[in-house]
Amino acid sequence: MIALVFVTCLQASPDVCQEHSLLFQEQMTPMACLMNAQPHLAEWKATHPDWRISSYRCGRPEQFGKSA
């Protein structure tokens, strides 16, 4: 399992930010996760137009304090 963790900030208030995560059940490397992240981030962005994605990263869920 691998996690895509991304930080979003309100466009109107850039200091208001939140962290989100998507867990992928497939066996993939962090590099494969990064290469496949764009469509998932675009889908999230399409449903949250007032927010911008400021950063994202991939890794094992426990690296980010996320439980599987």
PDB file of N, CA and C in Angstrom:
ATOM      1  N   MET A   1       0.850  -1.172   0.000  1.00  0.00           N
ATOM      2  CA  MET A   1       0.000   0.000   0.000  1.00  0.00           C
ATOM      3  C   MET A   1       0.896   1.235   0.000  1.00  0.00           C
ATOM      4  N   ILE A   2       0.434   2.249  -0.697  1.00  0.00           N
ATOM      5  CA  ILE A   2       1.196   3.500  -0.773  1.00  0.00           C
ATOM      6  C   ILE A   2       0.232   4.672  -0.621  1.00  0.00           C
ATOM      7  N   ALA A   3       0.715   5.765  -0.075  1.00  0.00           N
ATOM      8  CA  ALA A   3      -0.117   6.947   0.151  1.00  0.00           C
ATOM      9  C   ALA A   3       0.353   8.101  -0.718  1.00  0.00           C
ATOM     10  N   LEU A   4      -0.621   8.791  -1.285  1.00  0.00           N
ATOM     11  CA  LEU A   4      -0.388  10.069  -1.954  1.00  0.00           C
ATOM     12  C   LEU A   4      -0.876  11.122  -0.970  1.00  0.00           C
ATOM     13  N   VAL A   5       0.032  11.906  -0.442  1.00  0.00           N
ATOM     14  CA  VAL A   5      -0.298  12.941   0.543  1.00  0.00           C
ATOM     15  C   VAL A   5      -0.105  14.288  -0.128  1.00  0.00           C
ATOM     16  N   PHE A   6      -1.140  15.145  -0.029  1.00  0.00           N
ATOM     17  CA  PHE A   6      -1.035  16.450  -0.663  1.00  0.00           C
ATOM     18  C   PHE A   6      -1.589  17.542   0.234  1.00  0.00           C
ATOM     19  N   VAL A   7      -1.023  18.721   0.092  1.00  0.00           N
ATOM     20  CA  VAL A   7      -1.412  19.888   0.885  1.00  0.00           C
ATOM     21  C   VAL A   7      -2.141  20.849  -0.038  1.00  0.00           C
ATOM     22  N   THR A   8      -3.299  21.326   0.431  1.00  0.00           N
ATOM     23  CA  THR A   8      -4.074  22.293  -0.335  1.00  0.00           C
ATOM     24  C   THR A   8      -4.262  23.558   0.488  1.00  0.00           C
ATOM     25  N   CYS A   9      -4.343  24.687  -0.201  1.00  0.00           N
ATOM     26  CA  CYS A   9      -4.551  25.974   0.461  1.00  0.00           C
ATOM     27  C   CYS A   9      -5.677  26.715  -0.247  1.00  0.00           C
ATOM     28  N   LEU A  10      -6.448  27.451   0.531  1.00  0.00           N
ATOM     29  CA  LEU A  10      -7.508  28.271  -0.053  1.00  0.00           C
ATOM     30  C   LEU A  10      -6.886  29.339  -0.939  1.00  0.00           C
ATOM     31  N   GLN A  11      -7.447  29.523  -2.121  1.00  0.00           N
ATOM     32  CA  GLN A  11      -6.907  30.539  -3.014  1.00  0.00           C
ATOM     33  C   GLN A  11      -7.106  31.942  -2.439  1.00  0.00           C
ATOM     34  N   ALA A  12      -8.242  32.165  -1.778  1.00  0.00           N
ATOM     35  CA  ALA A  12      -8.532  33.485  -1.217  1.00  0.00           C
ATOM     36  C   ALA A  12      -7.750  33.758   0.069  1.00  0.00           C
ATOM     37  N   SER A  13      -7.336  32.705   0.768  1.00  0.00           N
ATOM     38  CA  SER A  13      -6.572  32.828   2.019  1.00  0.00           C
ATOM     39  C   SER A  13      -5.445  31.805   2.000  1.00  0.00           C
ATOM     40  N   PRO A  14      -4.334  32.114   1.355  1.00  0.00           N
ATOM     41  CA  PRO A  14      -3.250  31.139   1.194  1.00  0.00           C
ATOM     42  C   PRO A  14      -2.668  30.584   2.492  1.00  0.00           C
ATOM     43  N   ASP A  15      -2.938  31.238   3.625  1.00  0.00           N
ATOM     44  CA  ASP A  15      -2.429  30.733   4.900  1.00  0.00           C
ATOM     45  C   ASP A  15      -3.340  29.662   5.502  1.00  0.00           C
ATOM     46  N   VAL A  16      -4.501  29.414   4.895  1.00  0.00           N
ATOM     47  CA  VAL A  16      -5.421  28.368   5.348  1.00  0.00           C
ATOM     48  C   VAL A  16      -5.160  27.127   4.499  1.00  0.00           C
ATOM     49  N   CYS A  17      -4.500  26.140   5.104  1.00  0.00           N
ATOM     50  CA  CYS A  17      -4.091  24.942   4.366  1.00  0.00           C
ATOM     51  C   CYS A  17      -4.552  23.682   5.093  1.00  0.00           C
ATOM     52  N   GLN A  18      -4.703  22.616   4.320  1.00  0.00           N
ATOM     53  CA  GLN A  18      -5.103  21.322   4.862  1.00  0.00           C
ATOM     54  C   GLN A  18      -4.280  20.227   4.201  1.00  0.00           C
ATOM     55  N   GLU A  19      -4.073  19.138   4.934  1.00  0.00           N
ATOM     56  CA  GLU A  19      -3.389  17.978   4.369  1.00  0.00           C
ATOM     57  C   GLU A  19      -4.421  16.895   4.080  1.00  0.00           C
ATOM     58  N   HIS A  20      -4.281  16.255   2.936  1.00  0.00           N
ATOM     59  CA  HIS A  20      -5.180  15.180   2.510  1.00  0.00           C
ATOM     60  C   HIS A  20      -4.339  13.982   2.112  1.00  0.00           C
ATOM     61  N   SER A  21      -4.965  12.812   2.094  1.00  0.00           N
ATOM     62  CA  SER A  21      -4.232  11.642   1.614  1.00  0.00           C
ATOM     63  C   SER A  21      -5.166  10.702   0.874  1.00  0.00           C
ATOM     64  N   LEU A  22      -4.606  10.041  -0.105  1.00  0.00           N
ATOM     65  CA  LEU A  22      -5.282   8.974  -0.839  1.00  0.00           C
ATOM     66  C   LEU A  22      -4.425   7.728  -0.669  1.00  0.00           C
ATOM     67  N   LEU A  23      -5.059   6.632  -0.302  1.00  0.00           N
ATOM     68  CA  LEU A  23      -4.334   5.375  -0.152  1.00  0.00           C
ATOM     69  C   LEU A  23      -4.597   4.502  -1.367  1.00  0.00           C
ATOM     70  N   PHE A  24      -3.542   3.970  -1.931  1.00  0.00           N
ATOM     71  CA  PHE A  24      -3.652   3.082  -3.077  1.00  0.00           C
ATOM     72  C   PHE A  24      -3.380   1.661  -2.623  1.00  0.00           C
ATOM     73  N   GLN A  25      -4.277   0.749  -2.953  1.00  0.00           N
ATOM     74  CA  GLN A  25      -4.130  -0.653  -2.580  1.00  0.00           C
ATOM     75  C   GLN A  25      -3.116  -1.374  -3.457  1.00  0.00           C
ATOM     76  N   GLU A  26      -2.941  -0.882  -4.695  1.00  0.00           N
ATOM     77  CA  GLU A  26      -2.028  -1.546  -5.618  1.00  0.00           C
ATOM     78  C   GLU A  26      -0.603  -1.514  -5.076  1.00  0.00           C
ATOM     79  N   GLN A  27       0.149  -2.507  -5.462  1.00  0.00           N
ATOM     80  CA  GLN A  27       1.570  -2.520  -5.143  1.00  0.00           C
ATOM     81  C   GLN A  27       2.260  -1.601  -6.142  1.00  0.00           C
ATOM     82  N   MET A  28       2.771  -0.503  -5.682  1.00  0.00           N
ATOM     83  CA  MET A  28       3.513   0.407  -6.549  1.00  0.00           C
ATOM     84  C   MET A  28       4.612   1.068  -5.749  1.00  0.00           C
ATOM     85  N   THR A  29       5.598   1.525  -6.449  1.00  0.00           N
ATOM     86  CA  THR A  29       6.713   2.214  -5.810  1.00  0.00           C
ATOM     87  C   THR A  29       6.336   3.678  -5.596  1.00  0.00           C
ATOM     88  N   PRO A  30       7.036   4.381  -4.719  1.00  0.00           N
ATOM     89  CA  PRO A  30       6.779   5.815  -4.572  1.00  0.00           C
ATOM     90  C   PRO A  30       6.942   6.569  -5.894  1.00  0.00           C
ATOM     91  N   MET A  31       7.901   6.169  -6.726  1.00  0.00           N
ATOM     92  CA  MET A  31       8.088   6.830  -8.018  1.00  0.00           C
ATOM     93  C   MET A  31       6.878   6.602  -8.924  1.00  0.00           C
ATOM     94  N   ALA A  32       6.351   5.381  -8.952  1.00  0.00           N
ATOM     95  CA  ALA A  32       5.161   5.097  -9.757  1.00  0.00           C
ATOM     96  C   ALA A  32       3.972   5.901  -9.237  1.00  0.00           C
ATOM     97  N   CYS A  33       3.868   6.037  -7.927  1.00  0.00           N
ATOM     98  CA  CYS A  33       2.809   6.852  -7.332  1.00  0.00           C
ATOM     99  C   CYS A  33       2.916   8.294  -7.814  1.00  0.00           C
ATOM    100  N   LEU A  34       4.112   8.851  -7.773  1.00  0.00           N
ATOM    101  CA  LEU A  34       4.312  10.229  -8.233  1.00  0.00           C
ATOM    102  C   LEU A  34       3.962  10.380  -9.706  1.00  0.00           C
ATOM    103  N   MET A  35       4.333   9.385 -10.509  1.00  0.00           N
ATOM    104  CA  MET A  35       4.055   9.455 -11.939  1.00  0.00           C
ATOM    105  C   MET A  35       2.562   9.346 -12.234  1.00  0.00           C
ATOM    106  N   ASN A  36       1.810   8.692 -11.339  1.00  0.00           N
ATOM    107  CA  ASN A  36       0.370   8.516 -11.533  1.00  0.00           C
ATOM    108  C   ASN A  36      -0.464   9.487 -10.708  1.00  0.00           C
ATOM    109  N   ALA A  37       0.164  10.399 -10.003  1.00  0.00           N
ATOM    110  CA  ALA A  37      -0.547  11.302  -9.095  1.00  0.00           C
ATOM    111  C   ALA A  37      -1.384  12.351  -9.823  1.00  0.00           C
ATOM    112  N   GLN A  38      -0.897  12.854 -10.951  1.00  0.00           N
ATOM    113  CA  GLN A  38      -1.555  13.982 -11.620  1.00  0.00           C
ATOM    114  C   GLN A  38      -3.043  13.770 -11.887  1.00  0.00           C
ATOM    115  N   PRO A  39      -3.485  12.637 -12.446  1.00  0.00           N
ATOM    116  CA  PRO A  39      -4.927  12.472 -12.682  1.00  0.00           C
ATOM    117  C   PRO A  39      -5.749  12.503 -11.394  1.00  0.00           C
ATOM    118  N   HIS A  40      -5.214  11.918 -10.326  1.00  0.00           N
ATOM    119  CA  HIS A  40      -5.930  11.913  -9.044  1.00  0.00           C
ATOM    120  C   HIS A  40      -6.007  13.325  -8.461  1.00  0.00           C
ATOM    121  N   LEU A  41      -4.926  14.073  -8.573  1.00  0.00           N
ATOM    122  CA  LEU A  41      -4.921  15.450  -8.085  1.00  0.00           C
ATOM    123  C   LEU A  41      -5.844  16.324  -8.929  1.00  0.00           C
ATOM    124  N   ALA A  42      -5.862  16.114 -10.229  1.00  0.00           N
ATOM    125  CA  ALA A  42      -6.747  16.884 -11.115  1.00  0.00           C
ATOM    126  C   ALA A  42      -8.211  16.599 -10.800  1.00  0.00           C
ATOM    127  N   GLU A  43      -8.520  15.342 -10.505  1.00  0.00           N
ATOM    128  CA  GLU A  43      -9.892  14.977 -10.136  1.00  0.00           C
ATOM    129  C   GLU A  43     -10.298  15.678  -8.842  1.00  0.00           C
ATOM    130  N   TRP A  44      -9.404  15.681  -7.856  1.00  0.00           N
ATOM    131  CA  TRP A  44      -9.695  16.360  -6.593  1.00  0.00           C
ATOM    132  C   TRP A  44      -9.889  17.855  -6.838  1.00  0.00           C
ATOM    133  N   LYS A  45      -8.997  18.448  -7.619  1.00  0.00           N
ATOM    134  CA  LYS A  45      -9.046  19.888  -7.901  1.00  0.00           C
ATOM    135  C   LYS A  45     -10.341  20.268  -8.608  1.00  0.00           C
ATOM    136  N   ALA A  46     -10.819  19.420  -9.503  1.00  0.00           N
ATOM    137  CA  ALA A  46     -12.052  19.704 -10.246  1.00  0.00           C
ATOM    138  C   ALA A  46     -13.260  19.816  -9.321  1.00  0.00           C
ATOM    139  N   THR A  47     -13.230  19.122  -8.201  1.00  0.00           N
ATOM    140  CA  THR A  47     -14.356  19.172  -7.267  1.00  0.00           C
ATOM    141  C   THR A  47     -14.132  20.152  -6.114  1.00  0.00           C
ATOM    142  N   HIS A  48     -12.983  20.811  -6.101  1.00  0.00           N
ATOM    143  CA  HIS A  48     -12.650  21.782  -5.052  1.00  0.00           C
ATOM    144  C   HIS A  48     -12.041  23.035  -5.696  1.00  0.00           C
ATOM    145  N   PRO A  49     -12.821  23.790  -6.469  1.00  0.00           N
ATOM    146  CA  PRO A  49     -12.266  24.905  -7.252  1.00  0.00           C
ATOM    147  C   PRO A  49     -11.697  26.060  -6.431  1.00  0.00           C
ATOM    148  N   ASP A  50     -12.064  26.186  -5.171  1.00  0.00           N
ATOM    149  CA  ASP A  50     -11.567  27.300  -4.353  1.00  0.00           C
ATOM    150  C   ASP A  50     -10.216  27.001  -3.705  1.00  0.00           C
ATOM    151  N   TRP A  51      -9.704  25.811  -3.939  1.00  0.00           N
ATOM    152  CA  TRP A  51      -8.452  25.377  -3.329  1.00  0.00           C
ATOM    153  C   TRP A  51      -7.382  25.171  -4.394  1.00  0.00           C
ATOM    154  N   ARG A  52      -6.126  25.340  -3.988  1.00  0.00           N
ATOM    155  CA  ARG A  52      -5.013  25.021  -4.889  1.00  0.00           C
ATOM    156  C   ARG A  52      -4.144  23.982  -4.199  1.00  0.00           C
ATOM    157  N   ILE A  53      -3.549  23.127  -4.978  1.00  0.00           N
ATOM    158  CA  ILE A  53      -2.661  22.095  -4.446  1.00  0.00           C
ATOM    159  C   ILE A  53      -1.266  22.697  -4.368  1.00  0.00           C
ATOM    160  N   SER A  54      -0.743  22.788  -3.164  1.00  0.00           N
ATOM    161  CA  SER A  54       0.556  23.445  -2.993  1.00  0.00           C
ATOM    162  C   SER A  54       1.725  22.462  -3.014  1.00  0.00           C
ATOM    163  N   SER A  55       1.493  21.207  -2.623  1.00  0.00           N
ATOM    164  CA  SER A  55       2.564  20.207  -2.675  1.00  0.00           C
ATOM    165  C   SER A  55       1.953  18.816  -2.589  1.00  0.00           C
ATOM    166  N   TYR A  56       2.728  17.833  -3.031  1.00  0.00           N
ATOM    167  CA  TYR A  56       2.305  16.444  -2.882  1.00  0.00           C
ATOM    168  C   TYR A  56       3.529  15.544  -2.848  1.00  0.00           C
ATOM    169  N   ARG A  57       3.336  14.369  -2.233  1.00  0.00           N
ATOM    170  CA  ARG A  57       4.416  13.401  -2.111  1.00  0.00           C
ATOM    171  C   ARG A  57       3.812  12.008  -1.951  1.00  0.00           C
ATOM    172  N   CYS A  58       4.612  11.007  -2.175  1.00  0.00           N
ATOM    173  CA  CYS A  58       4.173   9.619  -2.061  1.00  0.00           C
ATOM    174  C   CYS A  58       5.112   8.849  -1.146  1.00  0.00           C
ATOM    175  N   GLY A  59       4.563   7.848  -0.485  1.00  0.00           N
ATOM    176  CA  GLY A  59       5.372   6.990   0.367  1.00  0.00           C
ATOM    177  C   GLY A  59       4.495   6.008   1.114  1.00  0.00           C
ATOM    178  N   ARG A  60       5.107   5.236   1.972  1.00  0.00           N
ATOM    179  CA  ARG A  60       4.344   4.302   2.792  1.00  0.00           C
ATOM    180  C   ARG A  60       3.495   5.103   3.780  1.00  0.00           C
ATOM    181  N   PRO A  61       2.261   4.668   4.043  1.00  0.00           N
ATOM    182  CA  PRO A  61       1.382   5.431   4.945  1.00  0.00           C
ATOM    183  C   PRO A  61       2.014   5.746   6.296  1.00  0.00           C
ATOM    184  N   GLU A  62       2.784   4.809   6.844  1.00  0.00           N
ATOM    185  CA  GLU A  62       3.383   5.047   8.167  1.00  0.00           C
ATOM    186  C   GLU A  62       4.424   6.164   8.144  1.00  0.00           C
ATOM    187  N   GLN A  63       4.964   6.484   6.983  1.00  0.00           N
ATOM    188  CA  GLN A  63       5.905   7.604   6.880  1.00  0.00           C
ATOM    189  C   GLN A  63       5.224   8.931   7.200  1.00  0.00           C
ATOM    190  N   PHE A  64       3.918   8.984   6.944  1.00  0.00           N
ATOM    191  CA  PHE A  64       3.173  10.227   7.117  1.00  0.00           C
ATOM    192  C   PHE A  64       2.228  10.170   8.308  1.00  0.00           C
ATOM    193  N   GLY A  65       2.350   9.133   9.133  1.00  0.00           N
ATOM    194  CA  GLY A  65       1.478   9.005  10.292  1.00  0.00           C
ATOM    195  C   GLY A  65       0.071   8.588   9.918  1.00  0.00           C
ATOM    196  N   LYS A  66      -0.073   7.964   8.750  1.00  0.00           N
ATOM    197  CA  LYS A  66      -1.383   7.493   8.295  1.00  0.00           C
ATOM    198  C   LYS A  66      -1.465   5.999   8.558  1.00  0.00           C
ATOM    199  N   SER A  67      -2.640   5.539   8.978  1.00  0.00           N
ATOM    200  CA  SER A  67      -2.794   4.102   9.188  1.00  0.00           C
ATOM    201  C   SER A  67      -3.341   3.453   7.927  1.00  0.00           C
ATOM    202  N   ALA A  68      -2.997   2.214   7.743  1.00  0.00           N
ATOM    203  CA  ALA A  68      -3.420   1.484   6.539  1.00  0.00           C
ATOM    204  C   ALA A  68      -4.854   1.036   6.649  1.00  0.00           C
TER     205      ALA A  68
END
